[in-house]
Protein backbone atom coordinates (compact mmCIF):
# COMPACT_ATOMS: atom_id res chain seq x y z
CA MET A 1 -7.08 -47.30 -2.98
CA LYS A 2 -10.48 -48.54 -2.47
CA GLN A 3 -9.79 -49.03 1.31
CA LEU A 4 -9.02 -44.65 0.16
CA LEU A 5 -12.04 -43.99 -1.16
CA ARG A 6 -14.03 -45.86 1.48
CA ILE A 7 -13.40 -44.00 4.11
CA PHE A 8 -14.09 -40.47 1.70
CA LYS A 9 -17.49 -41.87 1.59
CA VAL A 10 -18.23 -42.39 5.16
CA ALA A 11 -16.46 -39.38 5.85
CA PHE A 12 -18.88 -37.48 3.26
CA GLN A 13 -22.03 -39.68 4.79
CA ALA A 14 -20.85 -38.22 8.33
CA ILE A 15 -21.18 -35.15 7.67
CA ASN A 16 -23.92 -35.01 5.22
CA LYS A 17 -26.11 -36.55 8.31
CA ASN A 18 -25.58 -33.23 10.28
CA ARG A 19 -25.96 -30.67 7.49
CA SER A 20 -26.54 -27.93 9.78
CA ARG A 21 -23.62 -28.39 12.23
CA SER A 22 -21.10 -29.10 9.01
CA LEU A 23 -22.18 -25.39 7.99
CA LEU A 24 -21.81 -23.58 10.96
CA THR A 25 -18.77 -25.46 11.36
CA MET A 26 -17.31 -24.47 8.12
CA LEU A 27 -18.49 -20.54 8.18
CA GLY A 28 -15.03 -19.67 10.19
CA ILE A 29 -13.03 -21.24 8.00
CA ILE A 30 -15.40 -19.73 5.26
CA ILE A 31 -14.57 -16.32 7.41
CA GLY A 32 -10.91 -17.13 7.68
CA VAL A 33 -10.16 -18.03 3.75
CA ALA A 34 -12.37 -14.98 2.70
CA ALA A 35 -10.85 -12.70 5.13
CA VAL A 36 -7.09 -13.52 3.99
CA ILE A 37 -7.56 -13.52 0.32
CA MET A 38 -9.57 -10.00 1.25
CA THR A 39 -6.84 -8.77 2.95
CA ILE A 40 -3.67 -9.97 0.84
CA SER A 41 -5.04 -8.70 -2.07
CA ALA A 42 -6.17 -5.47 -0.92
CA GLY A 43 -2.58 -5.05 0.43
CA GLU A 44 -0.82 -6.45 -2.78
CA GLY A 45 -3.75 -3.70 -4.76
CA ALA A 46 -2.40 -1.02 -2.47
CA ALA A 47 1.09 -1.54 -3.00
CA LYS A 48 0.50 -2.01 -6.28
CA GLN A 49 -0.86 1.60 -7.00
CA VAL A 50 2.04 3.14 -4.52
CA ARG A 51 4.58 1.82 -6.92
CA ASP A 52 2.22 3.00 -10.55
CA GLN A 53 2.47 6.13 -9.16
CA ILE A 54 6.09 6.26 -7.54
CA SER A 55 7.25 4.88 -10.89
CA GLY A 56 4.95 7.87 -12.64
CA LEU A 57 7.32 10.43 -11.50
CA GLY A 58 10.33 8.23 -12.68
CA SER A 59 12.84 6.60 -12.06
CA ASN A 60 15.79 9.58 -12.39
CA LEU A 61 14.51 11.64 -10.01
CA LEU A 62 16.83 13.35 -7.34
CA MET A 63 15.74 15.52 -3.91
CA ILE A 64 18.21 17.17 -2.10
CA ARG A 65 17.17 18.99 1.49
CA THR A 66 18.77 20.43 4.25
CA LYS A 67 19.33 17.66 6.78
CA SER A 68 16.81 17.00 10.10
CA GLU A 69 16.66 14.58 12.65
CA ARG A 70 13.70 14.49 14.91
CA ARG A 71 14.38 15.41 18.95
CA ALA A 72 11.07 15.93 21.51
CA GLY A 73 8.35 15.62 18.43
CA ILE A 74 9.60 18.37 15.80
CA ASN A 75 12.00 18.28 13.25
CA VAL A 76 15.42 19.80 13.93
CA ARG A 77 17.45 21.06 11.64
CA MET A 78 21.14 19.74 11.45
CA GLY A 79 22.91 21.80 8.66
CA ARG A 80 22.83 24.89 6.67
CA PRO A 81 20.15 25.66 4.31
CA LEU A 82 19.86 24.99 1.05
CA ASP A 83 19.47 28.49 -1.44
CA LYS A 84 20.52 30.21 -4.46
CA LYS A 85 24.23 29.30 -3.99
CA ASP A 86 23.74 25.50 -3.95
CA TYR A 87 21.01 25.79 -6.55
CA ASP A 88 23.58 27.93 -8.92
CA ILE A 89 26.72 25.44 -8.35
CA LEU A 90 24.28 22.83 -9.16
CA LYS A 91 23.17 23.92 -12.33
CA LYS A 92 26.38 25.41 -13.30
CA SER A 93 28.97 22.54 -12.69
CA ALA A 94 26.64 19.15 -12.34
CA VAL A 95 26.98 17.39 -15.35
CA TRP A 96 24.49 14.19 -14.71
CA MET A 97 21.60 16.41 -13.36
CA PRO A 98 20.39 18.22 -16.91
CA GLU A 99 17.24 19.33 -15.25
CA LEU A 100 17.32 21.11 -11.91
CA SER A 101 14.17 23.12 -10.29
CA PRO A 102 14.45 24.49 -6.64
CA LEU A 103 11.24 24.61 -4.52
CA VAL A 104 9.07 26.38 -1.77
CA GLY A 105 6.32 25.25 -0.16
CA ILE A 106 4.07 27.52 1.65
CA GLY A 107 0.04 27.21 2.88
CA GLY A 108 -2.35 30.12 2.19
CA GLN A 109 -5.79 31.25 1.78
CA VAL A 110 -6.52 31.32 -2.18
CA ILE A 111 -9.38 33.32 -3.76
CA GLY A 112 -10.73 32.69 -6.80
CA PRO A 113 -14.13 33.94 -9.11
CA ASP A 114 -16.32 31.46 -7.39
CA GLY A 115 -14.74 31.03 -3.55
CA ASN A 116 -12.06 30.65 -1.77
CA TYR A 117 -9.90 27.64 -0.38
CA SER A 118 -6.76 26.86 1.47
CA SER A 119 -4.11 25.06 -0.15
CA THR A 120 -0.46 24.38 -0.65
CA VAL A 121 1.27 26.44 -3.44
CA TYR A 122 4.77 26.06 -4.72
CA GLY A 123 7.31 27.97 -5.63
CA VAL A 124 9.49 25.85 -8.88
CA SER A 125 11.49 26.79 -11.71
CA SER A 126 10.05 25.85 -14.96
CA ALA A 127 12.12 22.82 -15.75
CA TYR A 128 9.75 20.89 -12.08
CA PHE A 129 7.45 19.73 -15.02
CA ASN A 130 9.72 17.95 -16.61
CA ILE A 131 11.14 16.54 -13.52
CA LEU A 132 8.06 15.09 -12.37
CA SER A 133 6.42 14.43 -15.43
CA ARG A 134 3.11 17.01 -15.38
CA ASP A 135 1.07 17.42 -18.14
CA ILE A 136 -0.78 20.96 -18.84
CA ALA A 137 -4.42 19.89 -19.76
CA LEU A 138 -4.77 23.44 -20.72
CA GLY A 139 -3.00 26.63 -21.07
CA GLU A 140 0.89 26.72 -20.74
CA VAL A 141 3.20 26.63 -18.29
CA PHE A 142 5.50 29.59 -17.43
CA THR A 143 8.82 29.94 -18.72
CA ALA A 144 12.52 31.14 -17.57
CA GLU A 145 11.54 34.34 -18.21
CA ASP A 146 8.99 34.40 -16.04
CA VAL A 147 10.45 32.91 -12.99
CA LYS A 148 13.91 35.62 -14.09
CA ALA A 149 11.08 38.30 -14.04
CA ALA A 150 9.13 36.74 -11.11
CA SER A 151 6.29 37.27 -12.87
CA LYS A 152 2.85 36.86 -10.59
CA VAL A 153 1.48 33.67 -13.17
CA CYS A 154 0.67 30.35 -11.83
CA VAL A 155 -0.22 27.37 -13.18
CA ILE A 156 -3.32 25.05 -10.80
CA GLY A 157 -4.50 21.86 -10.37
CA GLU A 158 -7.76 20.04 -11.27
CA THR A 159 -9.08 20.55 -7.67
CA ILE A 160 -8.01 24.26 -7.23
CA ARG A 161 -10.22 24.88 -10.70
CA GLU A 162 -13.40 22.79 -8.97
CA GLU A 163 -13.23 24.95 -5.70
CA LEU A 164 -12.48 28.66 -7.29
CA PHE A 165 -14.16 28.33 -10.76
CA SER A 166 -16.70 25.80 -10.28
CA GLY A 167 -14.65 23.60 -13.26
CA ARG A 168 -14.61 26.77 -15.94
CA ASP A 169 -12.05 27.09 -18.06
CA PRO A 170 -9.81 28.72 -15.81
CA ILE A 171 -7.04 30.23 -17.77
CA GLY A 172 -6.58 34.23 -18.55
CA SER A 173 -8.21 34.18 -14.91
CA GLN A 174 -6.95 36.31 -11.59
CA ILE A 175 -6.82 34.82 -8.46
CA ARG A 176 -5.39 35.79 -5.09
CA ILE A 177 -2.88 34.29 -2.69
CA ASN A 178 -2.97 35.26 0.50
CA LYS A 179 -4.08 39.13 -0.58
CA VAL A 180 -1.22 38.31 -3.64
CA PRO A 181 -3.14 38.30 -7.38
CA PHE A 182 -1.71 36.13 -9.48
CA THR A 183 -2.88 35.24 -13.35
CA VAL A 184 -4.04 31.15 -13.95
CA ILE A 185 -1.89 30.35 -17.16
CA GLY A 186 -2.00 26.87 -16.89
CA LEU A 187 -3.87 23.87 -15.91
CA LEU A 188 -2.66 20.77 -14.91
CA LYS A 189 -3.78 17.43 -16.13
CA GLU A 190 -6.06 15.72 -13.60
CA GLN A 191 -3.37 12.80 -11.55
CA GLY A 192 -6.10 11.89 -8.47
CA GLN A 193 -4.48 10.48 -5.54
CA GLY A 194 -1.31 10.21 -4.56
CA ALA A 195 1.38 7.29 -3.55
CA MET A 196 0.40 8.78 0.79
CA GLY A 197 -2.97 9.17 -0.16
CA GLN A 198 -2.86 13.11 -0.67
CA ASP A 199 -4.91 14.89 -3.42
CA GLN A 200 -1.96 15.51 -6.65
CA ASP A 201 -4.69 18.11 -8.31
CA ASP A 202 -4.32 20.21 -5.14
CA ILE A 203 -1.87 22.11 -6.22
CA ILE A 204 -0.82 25.77 -7.32
CA ILE A 205 2.36 25.56 -8.64
CA ALA A 206 4.06 29.48 -9.52
CA PRO A 207 7.69 30.45 -10.29
CA TYR A 208 9.86 30.26 -6.93
CA THR A 209 10.92 33.49 -7.52
CA THR A 210 7.81 35.08 -7.46
CA ILE A 211 6.63 33.12 -3.94
CA GLN A 212 10.17 33.75 -2.26
CA ASN A 213 9.58 37.50 -2.92
CA ARG A 214 5.73 38.47 -2.98
CA LEU A 215 4.78 34.93 -0.13
CA TYR A 216 7.62 33.59 1.83
CA GLY A 217 9.67 36.67 2.58
CA SER A 218 12.76 34.54 2.21
CA THR A 219 15.73 33.63 0.10
CA GLU A 220 15.68 29.29 1.29
CA TYR A 221 14.81 26.63 -0.34
CA ASN A 222 12.80 23.84 1.21
CA MET A 223 14.38 21.17 -1.25
CA ILE A 224 15.90 21.11 -4.36
CA MET A 225 14.49 18.90 -7.53
CA ALA A 226 16.59 17.03 -9.85
CA SER A 227 16.41 15.00 -12.77
CA ALA A 228 19.31 12.67 -13.76
CA SER A 229 20.38 12.15 -17.21
CA SER A 230 18.83 8.42 -17.03
CA GLU A 231 18.23 5.75 -14.76
CA ASP A 232 21.33 4.61 -14.91
CA ALA A 233 23.24 7.53 -13.92
CA VAL A 234 21.08 8.06 -10.73
CA GLU A 235 23.69 7.26 -8.62
CA ASP A 236 26.61 9.38 -10.27
CA ALA A 237 24.35 12.38 -9.66
CA LYS A 238 23.99 11.42 -6.14
CA LEU A 239 27.99 11.24 -5.80
CA GLU A 240 27.81 14.44 -8.22
CA ALA A 241 25.44 16.52 -5.89
CA SER A 242 27.36 15.25 -2.66
CA MET A 243 30.27 16.13 -3.96
CA LEU A 244 29.27 19.50 -5.15
CA LEU A 245 27.11 20.39 -2.22
CA ARG A 246 30.49 19.60 0.04
CA GLU A 247 32.67 21.85 -1.60
CA ALA A 248 30.07 25.33 -1.52
CA HIS A 249 29.23 24.03 1.91
CA ARG A 250 33.13 23.65 3.39
CA LEU A 251 32.58 20.59 4.85
CA LEU A 252 35.90 18.39 6.08
CA PRO A 253 36.58 15.25 4.86
CA ASP A 254 36.27 14.09 8.53
CA GLN A 255 32.76 16.01 8.55
CA GLU A 256 29.20 14.01 8.03
CA ASP A 257 27.05 15.81 5.48
CA ASP A 258 24.50 18.74 6.33
CA PHE A 259 22.04 17.35 3.08
CA GLU A 260 20.16 14.50 2.16
CA ILE A 261 20.14 13.30 -1.17
CA THR A 262 16.93 10.69 -1.55
CA THR A 263 16.58 9.04 -5.13
CA GLN A 264 13.68 7.85 -6.65
CA ILE A 265 14.65 3.85 -6.35
CA GLU A 266 15.26 4.53 -2.60
CA ILE A 267 11.61 5.80 -2.31
CA GLN A 268 10.59 3.11 -4.08
CA GLU A 269 12.49 0.53 -2.17
CA ILE A 270 11.27 2.14 0.99
CA SER A 271 7.59 2.52 0.07
CA GLY A 272 7.56 -1.33 -0.93
CA SER A 273 9.33 -2.71 2.20
CA ILE A 274 6.45 -1.00 4.38
CA MET A 275 3.75 -1.84 1.71
CA ASN A 276 5.07 -6.07 2.28
CA ILE A 277 5.02 -5.45 6.24
CA LEU A 278 1.18 -3.62 5.94
CA THR A 279 0.56 -6.99 3.25
CA ILE A 280 2.25 -9.40 5.69
CA LEU A 281 0.07 -7.84 8.86
CA LEU A 282 -3.36 -7.73 6.83
CA GLY A 283 -3.14 -11.78 5.86
CA ALA A 284 -2.14 -12.05 10.04
CA ILE A 285 -5.27 -10.66 11.16
CA GLY A 286 -7.46 -12.66 8.50
CA SER A 287 -5.66 -15.59 9.72
CA ILE A 288 -7.33 -15.04 13.03
CA SER A 289 -10.75 -16.15 11.67
CA LEU A 290 -8.71 -19.35 10.42
CA ILE A 291 -7.46 -20.08 14.00
CA VAL A 292 -10.83 -19.76 15.14
CA GLY A 293 -12.70 -22.00 12.38
CA GLY A 294 -10.08 -24.16 13.43
CA VAL A 295 -11.21 -24.72 17.63
CA GLY A 296 -14.55 -24.65 15.64
CA ILE A 297 -13.63 -27.93 13.59
CA MET A 298 -11.93 -29.26 16.70
CA ASN A 299 -14.98 -28.99 19.05
CA ILE A 300 -17.66 -30.53 16.89
CA MET A 301 -14.93 -33.43 15.95
CA LEU A 302 -14.38 -34.56 19.49
CA VAL A 303 -18.75 -34.04 19.71
CA SER A 304 -18.83 -36.22 17.01
CA VAL A 305 -16.68 -38.55 18.43
CA THR A 306 -18.15 -38.95 21.28
CA GLU A 307 -21.68 -39.80 19.55
CA ARG A 308 -20.50 -42.01 17.89
CA THR A 309 -18.58 -44.37 20.89
CA ARG A 310 -20.33 -47.14 20.42
CA GLU A 311 -19.96 -47.15 16.44
CA ILE A 312 -16.51 -46.68 16.74
CA GLY A 313 -15.83 -49.60 19.28
CA THR A 314 -18.15 -51.62 17.24
CA ARG A 315 -15.46 -51.53 14.18
CA LEU A 316 -12.70 -51.83 16.16
CA ALA A 317 -14.13 -54.95 17.49
CA LEU A 318 -14.40 -56.06 13.90
CA GLY A 319 -11.14 -55.64 12.86
CA ALA A 320 -10.33 -51.64 12.24
CA ARG A 321 -6.76 -50.71 12.70
CA GLU A 322 -6.00 -47.57 14.76
CA SER A 323 -4.40 -46.25 12.00
CA ASP A 324 -8.23 -46.76 10.08
CA ILE A 325 -9.86 -44.55 12.86
CA LEU A 326 -7.58 -42.30 12.70
CA ILE A 327 -7.14 -41.84 9.04
CA GLN A 328 -11.54 -41.54 9.10
CA PHE A 329 -11.67 -38.90 11.33
CA LEU A 330 -8.88 -36.60 10.25
CA ILE A 331 -10.35 -36.99 6.87
CA GLU A 332 -13.80 -35.84 8.03
CA ALA A 333 -11.85 -32.86 9.64
CA ILE A 334 -9.90 -32.19 6.58
CA THR A 335 -13.13 -32.65 3.95
CA LEU A 336 -15.04 -29.93 6.56
CA SER A 337 -12.19 -27.17 6.18
CA LEU A 338 -11.12 -27.92 2.37
CA ILE A 339 -15.12 -27.33 1.52
CA GLY A 340 -14.92 -24.16 4.23
CA GLY A 341 -12.08 -23.31 2.14
CA ILE A 342 -13.47 -23.27 -1.17
CA ILE A 343 -16.48 -21.92 -0.31
CA GLY A 344 -13.94 -19.00 1.36
CA ILE A 345 -11.92 -18.55 -1.85
CA ILE A 346 -15.34 -17.99 -3.78
CA PHE A 347 -16.36 -15.61 -1.54
CA GLY A 348 -13.12 -13.60 -1.26
CA ILE A 349 -13.04 -12.77 -4.67
CA LEU A 350 -16.40 -11.78 -4.59
CA GLY A 351 -15.72 -9.69 -1.75
CA ASN A 352 -12.84 -8.02 -4.11
CA GLN A 353 -14.92 -7.26 -6.65
CA LEU A 354 -17.69 -5.79 -4.38
CA VAL A 355 -15.31 -3.36 -2.64
CA TYR A 356 -14.10 -2.42 -6.40
CA LYS A 357 -18.03 -1.36 -6.87
CA LEU A 358 -18.57 0.34 -3.88
CA THR A 359 -15.62 2.44 -3.29
CA ASN A 360 -13.62 2.06 -7.43
CA PHE A 361 -10.90 0.89 -5.64
CA VAL A 362 -9.16 -1.73 -7.42
CA ILE A 363 -8.48 -5.15 -5.26
CA PRO A 364 -7.23 -7.90 -7.79
CA THR A 365 -7.28 -11.25 -6.64
CA SER A 366 -4.26 -12.69 -6.46
CA MET A 367 -2.62 -16.21 -6.86
CA SER A 368 -0.70 -16.03 -4.22
CA SER A 369 -3.67 -14.95 -1.65
CA VAL A 370 -5.51 -17.72 -2.81
CA LEU A 371 -3.26 -20.29 -2.41
CA ILE A 372 -2.46 -18.73 1.07
CA GLY A 373 -5.85 -19.47 2.51
CA PHE A 374 -6.49 -22.54 1.03
CA GLY A 375 -3.08 -23.76 2.37
CA PHE A 376 -4.04 -22.36 5.49
CA SER A 377 -7.45 -24.34 5.63
CA VAL A 378 -5.47 -27.33 4.93
CA PHE A 379 -3.22 -26.51 7.43
CA ILE A 380 -6.15 -26.15 9.93
CA GLY A 381 -8.41 -29.27 9.11
CA VAL A 382 -4.56 -31.34 9.67
CA ALA A 383 -3.62 -29.47 12.33
CA PHE A 384 -6.91 -29.13 14.37
CA GLY A 385 -8.57 -32.39 13.39
CA TYR A 386 -5.61 -34.83 14.74
CA PHE A 387 -6.69 -34.59 18.57
CA PRO A 388 -10.22 -35.58 17.98
CA ALA A 389 -8.96 -38.26 15.97
CA ARG A 390 -6.26 -39.69 17.95
CA LYS A 391 -8.62 -39.71 19.97
CA ALA A 392 -11.14 -41.88 18.38
CA ALA A 393 -8.46 -44.23 17.13
CA LYS A 394 -7.21 -44.65 20.87
CA LEU A 395 -10.84 -45.69 22.55
CA ASN A 396 -11.20 -49.19 24.10
CA PRO A 397 -13.18 -51.49 22.05
CA ILE A 398 -14.90 -52.85 25.03
CA ASP A 399 -14.91 -50.18 27.12
CA ALA A 400 -16.45 -48.01 23.63
CA ILE A 401 -18.99 -50.90 22.66
CA ARG A 402 -20.72 -50.60 26.60
CA TYR A 403 -20.67 -46.62 26.03
CA GLU A 404 -24.20 -45.55 27.02
């Protein structure tokens, strides 16, 4: 134990003797560890936001679309489009899906009292608000009677209010969507940025019958959205929807589905996998700085071995073993790496806080990122310090003492 403490003392003395050089050597490790912590934390923070936003939609959501394939850069529809017949069958016969809503989306130019704005208008049923858990801040949502009567009413998001009403109360006012007048009856609660970076408040929602008759000019649906009776019933609801639609589309047992059913759980799993891959890639990019720092440590340790050749020879001549020399220089390399790692952790944590202050993007400093960064710094110290240490240990005492 005393021998080890003495070796550490000699290592610190050697580092302290060349402070500027030691600091510059540690700089690569400091930057590398800080980069690893910040990149991994950013990836985990983004993944958490995506998970939270997807979970906010509920875990019992199902989305039914016409099957399509990507050919020559465009999506080609592989089955017949969803329409009112499919919706009516599901609504009438489904047991596990109490809430259903068609969805028809169309882009349009929207004109309001204080300007005009290009946005997307979604035609849905009154059940849409329950399915996606969209709450109202002002006014009210349209009813099943409004859908049946194809009323020209709509509910808008906060972004639309800012663009067309300069933040004023929009309830009761009129907007024109592709020259068709709509009365604003509700304002959605603000939700901010979505899981994929989209503005969830840049939205106009109206009865799907109105959109089909006045704007869309087709009886087809882009999608049918459904809510299973519970999270445990999602798979039952998916199987039920598949059976009902296969029957409605008169598909034979050996024919593939001409529709696709995606559940909220599947979306969470896919997005989780994507974000995990992103986090790994970000961490790998940050690790490049650590490798550069390791090369710097190896370079400086080789210089140190050359400068201290006579000292090494003297110690060997006085009875020091090769293992003593090897451990001494290895500990010097590890000490440089550890000090750089600790400083890097501090900078990484401060960097996360700085990003939050500047962008309001929450980056929680995870313990895993700290452990990974610190572990890498130790590994770099051992891996890149071993070769110079071994070179020092293998010096011939006589040649080393004569070295000028």
